[in-house]
Full PDB file with SEQRES, HELIX, SHEET, SSBOND, CRYST1, ORIGX, SCALE, CONECT and MASTER records, all heavy atoms in Angstrom:
SEQRES   1 A   37  LYS MET GLU THR LYS TYR GLU ILE PHE ASN VAL GLY THR          
SEQRES   2 A   37  GLY LYS PRO VAL SER VAL LEU GLU LEU VAL THR ARG PHE          
SEQRES   3 A   37  GLU LYS ALA ASN GLY VAL LYS VAL PRO HIS LYS                  
HELIX    1 AA1 VAL A   19  ASN A   30  1                                  12    
CRYST1    1.000    1.000    1.000  90.00  90.00  90.00 P 1           1          
ORIGX1      1.000000  0.000000  0.000000        0.00000                         
ORIGX2      0.000000  1.000000  0.000000        0.00000                         
ORIGX3      0.000000  0.000000  1.000000        0.00000                         
SCALE1      1.000000  0.000000  0.000000        0.00000                         
SCALE2      0.000000  1.000000  0.000000        0.00000                         
SCALE3      0.000000  0.000000  1.000000        0.00000                         
ATOM      1  N   LYS A   1     -58.505 -68.966  36.718  1.00  0.00           N  
ATOM      2  CA  LYS A   1     -57.732 -68.288  35.669  1.00  0.00           C  
ATOM      3  C   LYS A   1     -56.496 -69.069  35.210  1.00  0.00           C  
ATOM      4  O   LYS A   1     -55.780 -68.617  34.317  1.00  0.00           O  
ATOM      5  CB  LYS A   1     -57.298 -66.908  36.170  1.00  0.00           C  
ATOM      6  CG  LYS A   1     -58.457 -65.919  36.273  1.00  0.00           C  
ATOM      7  CD  LYS A   1     -57.978 -64.559  36.751  1.00  0.00           C  
ATOM      8  CE  LYS A   1     -59.149 -63.580  36.865  1.00  0.00           C  
ATOM      9  NZ  LYS A   1     -58.742 -62.318  37.514  1.00  0.00           N  
ATOM     10  N   MET A   2     -56.264 -70.223  35.821  1.00  0.00           N  
ATOM     11  CA  MET A   2     -55.092 -71.003  35.407  1.00  0.00           C  
ATOM     12  C   MET A   2     -55.237 -71.435  33.948  1.00  0.00           C  
ATOM     13  O   MET A   2     -56.310 -71.852  33.529  1.00  0.00           O  
ATOM     14  CB  MET A   2     -54.913 -72.214  36.324  1.00  0.00           C  
ATOM     15  CG  MET A   2     -54.452 -71.852  37.727  1.00  0.00           C  
ATOM     16  SD  MET A   2     -54.286 -73.310  38.799  1.00  0.00           S  
ATOM     17  CE  MET A   2     -52.909 -74.171  38.027  1.00  0.00           C  
ATOM     18  N   GLU A   3     -54.148 -71.340  33.199  1.00  0.00           N  
ATOM     19  CA  GLU A   3     -54.178 -71.680  31.780  1.00  0.00           C  
ATOM     20  C   GLU A   3     -53.875 -73.155  31.546  1.00  0.00           C  
ATOM     21  O   GLU A   3     -54.267 -73.726  30.526  1.00  0.00           O  
ATOM     22  CB  GLU A   3     -53.187 -70.790  31.022  1.00  0.00           C  
ATOM     23  CG  GLU A   3     -53.620 -69.326  31.020  1.00  0.00           C  
ATOM     24  CD  GLU A   3     -52.531 -68.375  30.549  1.00  0.00           C  
ATOM     25  OE1 GLU A   3     -51.564 -68.853  29.918  1.00  0.00           O  
ATOM     26  OE2 GLU A   3     -52.639 -67.166  30.824  1.00  0.00           O  
ATOM     27  N   THR A   4     -53.170 -73.770  32.469  1.00  0.00           N  
ATOM     28  CA  THR A   4     -52.940 -75.218  32.457  1.00  0.00           C  
ATOM     29  C   THR A   4     -53.137 -75.715  33.886  1.00  0.00           C  
ATOM     30  O   THR A   4     -53.192 -74.917  34.826  1.00  0.00           O  
ATOM     31  CB  THR A   4     -51.516 -75.565  31.974  1.00  0.00           C  
ATOM     32  OG1 THR A   4     -50.568 -74.879  32.805  1.00  0.00           O  
ATOM     33  CG2 THR A   4     -51.299 -75.148  30.531  1.00  0.00           C  
ATOM     34  N   LYS A   5     -53.240 -77.022  34.056  1.00  0.00           N  
ATOM     35  CA  LYS A   5     -53.524 -77.572  35.385  1.00  0.00           C  
ATOM     36  C   LYS A   5     -52.342 -77.461  36.341  1.00  0.00           C  
ATOM     37  O   LYS A   5     -52.511 -77.560  37.555  1.00  0.00           O  
ATOM     38  CB  LYS A   5     -53.961 -79.037  35.268  1.00  0.00           C  
ATOM     39  CG  LYS A   5     -55.351 -79.204  34.643  1.00  0.00           C  
ATOM     40  CD  LYS A   5     -55.794 -80.647  34.712  1.00  0.00           C  
ATOM     41  CE  LYS A   5     -56.082 -81.032  36.152  1.00  0.00           C  
ATOM     42  NZ  LYS A   5     -56.290 -82.489  36.297  1.00  0.00           N  
ATOM     43  N   TYR A   6     -51.148 -77.264  35.779  1.00  0.00           N  
ATOM     44  CA  TYR A   6     -49.953 -77.124  36.616  1.00  0.00           C  
ATOM     45  C   TYR A   6     -49.137 -75.957  36.090  1.00  0.00           C  
ATOM     46  O   TYR A   6     -48.782 -75.924  34.910  1.00  0.00           O  
ATOM     47  CB  TYR A   6     -49.125 -78.412  36.592  1.00  0.00           C  
ATOM     48  CG  TYR A   6     -47.789 -78.300  37.286  1.00  0.00           C  
ATOM     49  CD1 TYR A   6     -47.705 -78.000  38.644  1.00  0.00           C  
ATOM     50  CD2 TYR A   6     -46.595 -78.505  36.577  1.00  0.00           C  
ATOM     51  CE1 TYR A   6     -46.482 -77.904  39.278  1.00  0.00           C  
ATOM     52  CE2 TYR A   6     -45.365 -78.407  37.208  1.00  0.00           C  
ATOM     53  CZ  TYR A   6     -45.311 -78.113  38.564  1.00  0.00           C  
ATOM     54  OH  TYR A   6     -44.100 -78.007  39.200  1.00  0.00           O  
ATOM     55  N   GLU A   7     -48.864 -75.000  36.960  1.00  0.00           N  
ATOM     56  CA  GLU A   7     -48.116 -73.804  36.557  1.00  0.00           C  
ATOM     57  C   GLU A   7     -46.958 -73.551  37.511  1.00  0.00           C  
ATOM     58  O   GLU A   7     -47.011 -73.933  38.687  1.00  0.00           O  
ATOM     59  CB  GLU A   7     -49.038 -72.578  36.520  1.00  0.00           C  
ATOM     60  CG  GLU A   7     -50.153 -72.669  35.487  1.00  0.00           C  
ATOM     61  CD  GLU A   7     -51.048 -71.439  35.453  1.00  0.00           C  
ATOM     62  OE1 GLU A   7     -51.128 -70.704  36.465  1.00  0.00           O  
ATOM     63  OE2 GLU A   7     -51.683 -71.225  34.402  1.00  0.00           O  
ATOM     64  N   ILE A   8     -45.940 -72.885  36.985  1.00  0.00           N  
ATOM     65  CA  ILE A   8     -44.736 -72.564  37.762  1.00  0.00           C  
ATOM     66  C   ILE A   8     -44.448 -71.074  37.620  1.00  0.00           C  
ATOM     67  O   ILE A   8     -44.546 -70.522  36.516  1.00  0.00           O  
ATOM     68  CB  ILE A   8     -43.514 -73.352  37.242  1.00  0.00           C  
ATOM     69  CG1 ILE A   8     -43.728 -74.857  37.399  1.00  0.00           C  
ATOM     70  CG2 ILE A   8     -42.236 -72.918  37.956  1.00  0.00           C  
ATOM     71  CD1 ILE A   8     -42.736 -75.683  36.614  1.00  0.00           C  
ATOM     72  N   PHE A   9     -44.106 -70.438  38.738  1.00  0.00           N  
ATOM     73  CA  PHE A   9     -43.732 -69.018  38.689  1.00  0.00           C  
ATOM     74  C   PHE A   9     -42.493 -68.765  39.539  1.00  0.00           C  
ATOM     75  O   PHE A   9     -42.387 -69.255  40.666  1.00  0.00           O  
ATOM     76  CB  PHE A   9     -44.873 -68.129  39.221  1.00  0.00           C  
ATOM     77  CG  PHE A   9     -46.119 -68.181  38.387  1.00  0.00           C  
ATOM     78  CD1 PHE A   9     -47.183 -68.983  38.772  1.00  0.00           C  
ATOM     79  CD2 PHE A   9     -46.234 -67.440  37.227  1.00  0.00           C  
ATOM     80  CE1 PHE A   9     -48.344 -69.045  38.023  1.00  0.00           C  
ATOM     81  CE2 PHE A   9     -47.387 -67.488  36.459  1.00  0.00           C  
ATOM     82  CZ  PHE A   9     -48.444 -68.292  36.855  1.00  0.00           C  
ATOM     83  N   ASN A  10     -41.563 -67.969  38.991  1.00  0.00           N  
ATOM     84  CA  ASN A  10     -40.449 -67.453  39.783  1.00  0.00           C  
ATOM     85  C   ASN A  10     -40.944 -66.291  40.644  1.00  0.00           C  
ATOM     86  O   ASN A  10     -41.668 -65.423  40.152  1.00  0.00           O  
ATOM     87  CB  ASN A  10     -39.339 -66.914  38.876  1.00  0.00           C  
ATOM     88  CG  ASN A  10     -38.504 -68.006  38.254  1.00  0.00           C  
ATOM     89  OD1 ASN A  10     -38.453 -69.123  38.751  1.00  0.00           O  
ATOM     90  ND2 ASN A  10     -37.835 -67.683  37.147  1.00  0.00           N  
ATOM     91  N   VAL A  11     -40.509 -66.279  41.890  1.00  0.00           N  
ATOM     92  CA  VAL A  11     -40.870 -65.165  42.773  1.00  0.00           C  
ATOM     93  C   VAL A  11     -39.583 -64.578  43.351  1.00  0.00           C  
ATOM     94  O   VAL A  11     -38.962 -65.154  44.249  1.00  0.00           O  
ATOM     95  CB  VAL A  11     -41.808 -65.622  43.909  1.00  0.00           C  
ATOM     96  CG1 VAL A  11     -42.225 -64.424  44.747  1.00  0.00           C  
ATOM     97  CG2 VAL A  11     -43.046 -66.313  43.344  1.00  0.00           C  
ATOM     98  N   GLY A  12     -39.191 -63.448  42.784  1.00  0.00           N  
ATOM     99  CA  GLY A  12     -37.979 -62.761  43.223  1.00  0.00           C  
ATOM    100  C   GLY A  12     -38.061 -61.299  42.824  1.00  0.00           C  
ATOM    101  O   GLY A  12     -39.117 -60.819  42.412  1.00  0.00           O  
ATOM    102  N   THR A  13     -36.943 -60.599  42.934  1.00  0.00           N  
ATOM    103  CA  THR A  13     -36.914 -59.182  42.554  1.00  0.00           C  
ATOM    104  C   THR A  13     -36.322 -59.002  41.156  1.00  0.00           C  
ATOM    105  O   THR A  13     -36.532 -57.980  40.516  1.00  0.00           O  
ATOM    106  CB  THR A  13     -36.047 -58.363  43.526  1.00  0.00           C  
ATOM    107  OG1 THR A  13     -34.683 -58.805  43.419  1.00  0.00           O  
ATOM    108  CG2 THR A  13     -36.532 -58.523  44.962  1.00  0.00           C  
ATOM    109  N   GLY A  14     -35.536 -59.992  40.722  1.00  0.00           N  
ATOM    110  CA  GLY A  14     -34.828 -59.850  39.451  1.00  0.00           C  
ATOM    111  C   GLY A  14     -33.551 -59.040  39.561  1.00  0.00           C  
ATOM    112  O   GLY A  14     -32.896 -58.761  38.566  1.00  0.00           O  
ATOM    113  N   LYS A  15     -33.175 -58.676  40.814  1.00  0.00           N  
ATOM    114  CA  LYS A  15     -31.972 -57.855  41.015  1.00  0.00           C  
ATOM    115  C   LYS A  15     -30.969 -58.618  41.879  1.00  0.00           C  
ATOM    116  O   LYS A  15     -31.220 -58.831  43.071  1.00  0.00           O  
ATOM    117  CB  LYS A  15     -32.341 -56.537  41.708  1.00  0.00           C  
ATOM    118  CG  LYS A  15     -33.294 -55.676  40.895  1.00  0.00           C  
ATOM    119  CD  LYS A  15     -33.805 -54.522  41.738  1.00  0.00           C  
ATOM    120  CE  LYS A  15     -34.876 -53.728  40.988  1.00  0.00           C  
ATOM    121  NZ  LYS A  15     -35.563 -52.761  41.854  1.00  0.00           N  
ATOM    122  N   PRO A  16     -29.832 -59.016  41.299  1.00  0.00           N  
ATOM    123  CA  PRO A  16     -28.844 -59.749  42.095  1.00  0.00           C  
ATOM    124  C   PRO A  16     -28.092 -58.843  43.065  1.00  0.00           C  
ATOM    125  O   PRO A  16     -27.747 -57.703  42.726  1.00  0.00           O  
ATOM    126  CB  PRO A  16     -27.892 -60.308  41.037  1.00  0.00           C  
ATOM    127  CG  PRO A  16     -28.003 -59.372  39.889  1.00  0.00           C  
ATOM    128  CD  PRO A  16     -29.412 -58.850  39.897  1.00  0.00           C  
ATOM    129  N   VAL A  17     -27.883 -59.344  44.272  1.00  0.00           N  
ATOM    130  CA  VAL A  17     -27.134 -58.621  45.308  1.00  0.00           C  
ATOM    131  C   VAL A  17     -26.130 -59.610  45.902  1.00  0.00           C  
ATOM    132  O   VAL A  17     -26.487 -60.747  46.210  1.00  0.00           O  
ATOM    133  CB  VAL A  17     -28.074 -58.100  46.418  1.00  0.00           C  
ATOM    134  CG1 VAL A  17     -27.277 -57.442  47.540  1.00  0.00           C  
ATOM    135  CG2 VAL A  17     -29.090 -57.104  45.843  1.00  0.00           C  
ATOM    136  N   SER A  18     -24.877 -59.174  46.057  1.00  0.00           N  
ATOM    137  CA  SER A  18     -23.878 -60.088  46.606  1.00  0.00           C  
ATOM    138  C   SER A  18     -24.003 -60.171  48.125  1.00  0.00           C  
ATOM    139  O   SER A  18     -24.571 -59.276  48.775  1.00  0.00           O  
ATOM    140  CB  SER A  18     -22.466 -59.634  46.234  1.00  0.00           C  
ATOM    141  OG  SER A  18     -22.041 -58.576  47.070  1.00  0.00           O  
ATOM    142  N   VAL A  19     -23.456 -61.237  48.682  1.00  0.00           N  
ATOM    143  CA  VAL A  19     -23.485 -61.417  50.138  1.00  0.00           C  
ATOM    144  C   VAL A  19     -22.802 -60.235  50.824  1.00  0.00           C  
ATOM    145  O   VAL A  19     -23.319 -59.670  51.789  1.00  0.00           O  
ATOM    146  CB  VAL A  19     -22.797 -62.748  50.523  1.00  0.00           C  
ATOM    147  CG1 VAL A  19     -22.627 -62.860  52.030  1.00  0.00           C  
ATOM    148  CG2 VAL A  19     -23.597 -63.929  49.984  1.00  0.00           C  
ATOM    149  N   LEU A  20     -21.639 -59.859  50.310  1.00  0.00           N  
ATOM    150  CA  LEU A  20     -20.892 -58.749  50.917  1.00  0.00           C  
ATOM    151  C   LEU A  20     -21.669 -57.430  50.811  1.00  0.00           C  
ATOM    152  O   LEU A  20     -21.700 -56.632  51.754  1.00  0.00           O  
ATOM    153  CB  LEU A  20     -19.529 -58.623  50.229  1.00  0.00           C  
ATOM    154  CG  LEU A  20     -18.408 -57.936  51.006  1.00  0.00           C  
ATOM    155  CD1 LEU A  20     -18.198 -58.565  52.369  1.00  0.00           C  
ATOM    156  CD2 LEU A  20     -17.106 -57.997  50.193  1.00  0.00           C  
ATOM    157  N   GLU A  21     -22.309 -57.221  49.660  1.00  0.00           N  
ATOM    158  CA  GLU A  21     -23.110 -56.006  49.473  1.00  0.00           C  
ATOM    159  C   GLU A  21     -24.281 -55.969  50.446  1.00  0.00           C  
ATOM    160  O   GLU A  21     -24.614 -54.913  51.003  1.00  0.00           O  
ATOM    161  CB  GLU A  21     -23.635 -55.941  48.037  1.00  0.00           C  
ATOM    162  CG  GLU A  21     -24.393 -54.648  47.711  1.00  0.00           C  
ATOM    163  CD  GLU A  21     -25.022 -54.663  46.327  1.00  0.00           C  
ATOM    164  OE1 GLU A  21     -24.689 -55.528  45.502  1.00  0.00           O  
ATOM    165  OE2 GLU A  21     -25.873 -53.784  46.090  1.00  0.00           O  
ATOM    166  N   LEU A  22     -24.903 -57.145  50.690  1.00  0.00           N  
ATOM    167  CA  LEU A  22     -26.033 -57.179  51.621  1.00  0.00           C  
ATOM    168  C   LEU A  22     -25.583 -56.797  53.028  1.00  0.00           C  
ATOM    169  O   LEU A  22     -26.269 -56.046  53.728  1.00  0.00           O  
ATOM    170  CB  LEU A  22     -26.672 -58.575  51.637  1.00  0.00           C  
ATOM    171  CG  LEU A  22     -28.046 -58.625  52.306  1.00  0.00           C  
ATOM    172  CD1 LEU A  22     -29.124 -58.019  51.409  1.00  0.00           C  
ATOM    173  CD2 LEU A  22     -28.427 -60.052  52.685  1.00  0.00           C  
ATOM    174  N   VAL A  23     -24.429 -57.294  53.439  1.00  0.00           N  
ATOM    175  CA  VAL A  23     -23.894 -56.945  54.766  1.00  0.00           C  
ATOM    176  C   VAL A  23     -23.646 -55.443  54.859  1.00  0.00           C  
ATOM    177  O   VAL A  23     -24.030 -54.787  55.834  1.00  0.00           O  
ATOM    178  CB  VAL A  23     -22.593 -57.736  55.055  1.00  0.00           C  
ATOM    179  CG1 VAL A  23     -21.955 -57.270  56.363  1.00  0.00           C  
ATOM    180  CG2 VAL A  23     -22.879 -59.227  55.104  1.00  0.00           C  
ATOM    181  N   THR A  24     -23.036 -54.881  53.836  1.00  0.00           N  
ATOM    182  CA  THR A  24     -22.737 -53.441  53.807  1.00  0.00           C  
ATOM    183  C   THR A  24     -24.022 -52.614  53.822  1.00  0.00           C  
ATOM    184  O   THR A  24     -24.118 -51.612  54.544  1.00  0.00           O  
ATOM    185  CB  THR A  24     -21.901 -53.096  52.554  1.00  0.00           C  
ATOM    186  OG1 THR A  24     -20.737 -53.913  52.536  1.00  0.00           O  
ATOM    187  CG2 THR A  24     -21.494 -51.634  52.551  1.00  0.00           C  
ATOM    188  N   ARG A  25     -25.011 -53.032  53.020  1.00  0.00           N  
ATOM    189  CA  ARG A  25     -26.297 -52.319  52.988  1.00  0.00           C  
ATOM    190  C   ARG A  25     -26.982 -52.372  54.354  1.00  0.00           C  
ATOM    191  O   ARG A  25     -27.599 -51.395  54.793  1.00  0.00           O  
ATOM    192  CB  ARG A  25     -27.216 -52.940  51.922  1.00  0.00           C  
ATOM    193  CG  ARG A  25     -26.811 -52.673  50.478  1.00  0.00           C  
ATOM    194  CD  ARG A  25     -27.239 -51.308  49.963  1.00  0.00           C  
ATOM    195  NE  ARG A  25     -28.661 -51.156  49.787  1.00  0.00           N  
ATOM    196  CZ  ARG A  25     -29.328 -51.401  48.660  1.00  0.00           C  
ATOM    197  NH1 ARG A  25     -28.692 -51.879  47.610  1.00  0.00           N  
ATOM    198  NH2 ARG A  25     -30.629 -51.172  48.584  1.00  0.00           N  
ATOM    199  N   PHE A  26     -26.897 -53.528  55.011  1.00  0.00           N  
ATOM    200  CA  PHE A  26     -27.495 -53.666  56.348  1.00  0.00           C  
ATOM    201  C   PHE A  26     -26.836 -52.683  57.330  1.00  0.00           C  
ATOM    202  O   PHE A  26     -27.522 -52.002  58.106  1.00  0.00           O  
ATOM    203  CB  PHE A  26     -27.348 -55.104  56.862  1.00  0.00           C  
ATOM    204  CG  PHE A  26     -27.923 -55.307  58.239  1.00  0.00           C  
ATOM    205  CD1 PHE A  26     -29.257 -55.657  58.398  1.00  0.00           C  
ATOM    206  CD2 PHE A  26     -27.153 -55.119  59.376  1.00  0.00           C  
ATOM    207  CE1 PHE A  26     -29.803 -55.818  59.668  1.00  0.00           C  
ATOM    208  CE2 PHE A  26     -27.679 -55.275  60.642  1.00  0.00           C  
ATOM    209  CZ  PHE A  26     -29.013 -55.637  60.794  1.00  0.00           C  
ATOM    210  N   GLU A  27     -25.508 -52.619  57.295  1.00  0.00           N  
ATOM    211  CA  GLU A  27     -24.780 -51.721  58.206  1.00  0.00           C  
ATOM    212  C   GLU A  27     -25.192 -50.265  57.980  1.00  0.00           C  
ATOM    213  O   GLU A  27     -25.451 -49.519  58.935  1.00  0.00           O  
ATOM    214  CB  GLU A  27     -23.269 -51.879  58.003  1.00  0.00           C  
ATOM    215  CG  GLU A  27     -22.717 -53.212  58.495  1.00  0.00           C  
ATOM    216  CD  GLU A  27     -21.214 -53.331  58.273  1.00  0.00           C  
ATOM    217  OE1 GLU A  27     -20.698 -52.807  57.260  1.00  0.00           O  
ATOM    218  OE2 GLU A  27     -20.553 -53.962  59.115  1.00  0.00           O  
ATOM    219  N   LYS A  28     -25.264 -49.864  56.711  1.00  0.00           N  
ATOM    220  CA  LYS A  28     -25.621 -48.473  56.397  1.00  0.00           C  
ATOM    221  C   LYS A  28     -27.071 -48.166  56.743  1.00  0.00           C  
ATOM    222  O   LYS A  28     -27.383 -47.100  57.293  1.00  0.00           O  
ATOM    223  CB  LYS A  28     -25.375 -48.198  54.903  1.00  0.00           C  
ATOM    224  CG  LYS A  28     -23.916 -48.032  54.548  1.00  0.00           C  
ATOM    225  CD  LYS A  28     -23.739 -47.722  53.068  1.00  0.00           C  
ATOM    226  CE  LYS A  28     -22.265 -47.592  52.704  1.00  0.00           C  
ATOM    227  NZ  LYS A  28     -22.074 -47.486  51.242  1.00  0.00           N  
ATOM    228  N   ALA A  29     -27.976 -49.082  56.430  1.00  0.00           N  
ATOM    229  CA  ALA A  29     -29.410 -48.841  56.661  1.00  0.00           C  
ATOM    230  C   ALA A  29     -29.729 -48.716  58.142  1.00  0.00           C  
ATOM    231  O   ALA A  29     -30.636 -47.973  58.528  1.00  0.00           O  
ATOM    232  CB  ALA A  29     -30.238 -49.970  56.044  1.00  0.00           C  
ATOM    233  N   ASN A  30     -28.965 -49.441  58.969  1.00  0.00           N  
ATOM    234  CA  ASN A  30     -29.296 -49.487  60.396  1.00  0.00           C  
ATOM    235  C   ASN A  30     -28.285 -48.792  61.305  1.00  0.00           C  
ATOM    236  O   ASN A  30     -28.496 -48.712  62.518  1.00  0.00           O  
ATOM    237  CB  ASN A  30     -29.449 -50.948  60.831  1.00  0.00           C  
ATOM    238  CG  ASN A  30     -30.669 -51.594  60.197  1.00  0.00           C  
ATOM    239  OD1 ASN A  30     -31.794 -51.197  60.459  1.00  0.00           O  
ATOM    240  ND2 ASN A  30     -30.446 -52.594  59.344  1.00  0.00           N  
ATOM    241  N   GLY A  31     -27.185 -48.311  60.707  1.00  0.00           N  
ATOM    242  CA  GLY A  31     -26.186 -47.611  61.514  1.00  0.00           C  
ATOM    243  C   GLY A  31     -25.523 -48.497  62.547  1.00  0.00           C  
ATOM    244  O   GLY A  31     -25.216 -48.061  63.659  1.00  0.00           O  
ATOM    245  N   VAL A  32     -25.308 -49.767  62.189  1.00  0.00           N  
ATOM    246  CA  VAL A  32     -24.646 -50.707  63.107  1.00  0.00           C  
ATOM    247  C   VAL A  32     -23.519 -51.420  62.372  1.00  0.00           C  
ATOM    248  O   VAL A  32     -23.481 -51.446  61.147  1.00  0.00           O  
ATOM    249  CB  VAL A  32     -25.641 -51.759  63.668  1.00  0.00           C  
ATOM    250  CG1 VAL A  32     -26.658 -51.111  64.577  1.00  0.00           C  
ATOM    251  CG2 VAL A  32     -26.331 -52.526  62.535  1.00  0.00           C  
ATOM    252  N   LYS A  33     -22.617 -51.989  63.145  1.00  0.00           N  
ATOM    253  CA  LYS A  33     -21.506 -52.744  62.562  1.00  0.00           C  
ATOM    254  C   LYS A  33     -21.800 -54.239  62.642  1.00  0.00           C  
ATOM    255  O   LYS A  33     -22.360 -54.720  63.626  1.00  0.00           O  
ATOM    256  CB  LYS A  33     -20.206 -52.439  63.313  1.00  0.00           C  
ATOM    257  CG  LYS A  33     -19.540 -51.142  62.840  1.00  0.00           C  
ATOM    258  CD  LYS A  33     -18.899 -51.361  61.477  1.00  0.00           C  
ATOM    259  CE  LYS A  33     -18.468 -50.048  60.833  1.00  0.00           C  
ATOM    260  NZ  LYS A  33     -18.381 -50.194  59.374  1.00  0.00           N  
ATOM    261  N   VAL A  34     -21.388 -54.943  61.614  1.00  0.00           N  
ATOM    262  CA  VAL A  34     -21.527 -56.402  61.582  1.00  0.00           C  
ATOM    263  C   VAL A  34     -20.134 -56.994  61.374  1.00  0.00           C  
ATOM    264  O   VAL A  34     -19.638 -57.054  60.240  1.00  0.00           O  
ATOM    265  CB  VAL A  34     -22.472 -56.859  60.451  1.00  0.00           C  
ATOM    266  CG1 VAL A  34     -22.594 -58.392  60.453  1.00  0.00           C  
ATOM    267  CG2 VAL A  34     -23.843 -56.212  60.584  1.00  0.00           C  
ATOM    268  N   PRO A  35     -19.456 -57.405  62.457  1.00  0.00           N  
ATOM    269  CA  PRO A  35     -18.141 -58.027  62.299  1.00  0.00           C  
ATOM    270  C   PRO A  35     -18.246 -59.257  61.400  1.00  0.00           C  
ATOM    271  O   PRO A  35     -19.124 -60.105  61.607  1.00  0.00           O  
ATOM    272  CB  PRO A  35     -17.752 -58.434  63.732  1.00  0.00           C  
ATOM    273  CG  PRO A  35     -18.613 -57.591  64.619  1.00  0.00           C  
ATOM    274  CD  PRO A  35     -19.888 -57.351  63.862  1.00  0.00           C  
ATOM    275  N   HIS A  36     -17.378 -59.349  60.392  1.00  0.00           N  
ATOM    276  CA  HIS A  36     -17.465 -60.482  59.477  1.00  0.00           C  
ATOM    277  C   HIS A  36     -16.080 -60.890  58.982  1.00  0.00           C  
ATOM    278  O   HIS A  36     -15.144 -60.097  59.004  1.00  0.00           O  
ATOM    279  CB  HIS A  36     -18.387 -60.172  58.287  1.00  0.00           C  
ATOM    280  CG  HIS A  36     -18.038 -58.932  57.532  1.00  0.00           C  
ATOM    281  ND1 HIS A  36     -18.472 -57.679  57.920  1.00  0.00           N  
ATOM    282  CD2 HIS A  36     -17.286 -58.749  56.404  1.00  0.00           C  
ATOM    283  CE1 HIS A  36     -18.016 -56.770  57.061  1.00  0.00           C  
ATOM    284  NE2 HIS A  36     -17.296 -57.389  56.143  1.00  0.00           N  
ATOM    285  N   LYS A  37     -15.990 -62.146  58.580  1.00  0.00           N  
ATOM    286  CA  LYS A  37     -14.728 -62.677  58.063  1.00  0.00           C  
ATOM    287  C   LYS A  37     -15.024 -63.598  56.884  1.00  0.00           C  
ATOM    288  O   LYS A  37     -16.116 -64.157  56.779  1.00  0.00           O  
ATOM    289  CB  LYS A  37     -13.970 -63.441  59.155  1.00  0.00           C  
ATOM    290  CG  LYS A  37     -14.710 -64.682  59.645  1.00  0.00           C  
ATOM    291  CD  LYS A  37     -13.978 -65.379  60.781  1.00  0.00           C  
ATOM    292  CE  LYS A  37     -14.793 -66.575  61.280  1.00  0.00           C  
ATOM    293  NZ  LYS A  37     -14.197 -67.240  62.434  1.00  0.00           N  
TER     294      LYS A  37                                                      
MASTER        0    0    0    1    0    0    0    6  293    1    0    3          
END                                                                             
């Protein structure tokens, strides 16, 4: 089904998340603290 002999695809969610937000989400999702600086 390839349309050309060489193809490129992005594989992601399309939703940006900051490093700090990821740490906070991890803490909330798992009920644990992650000491960070």
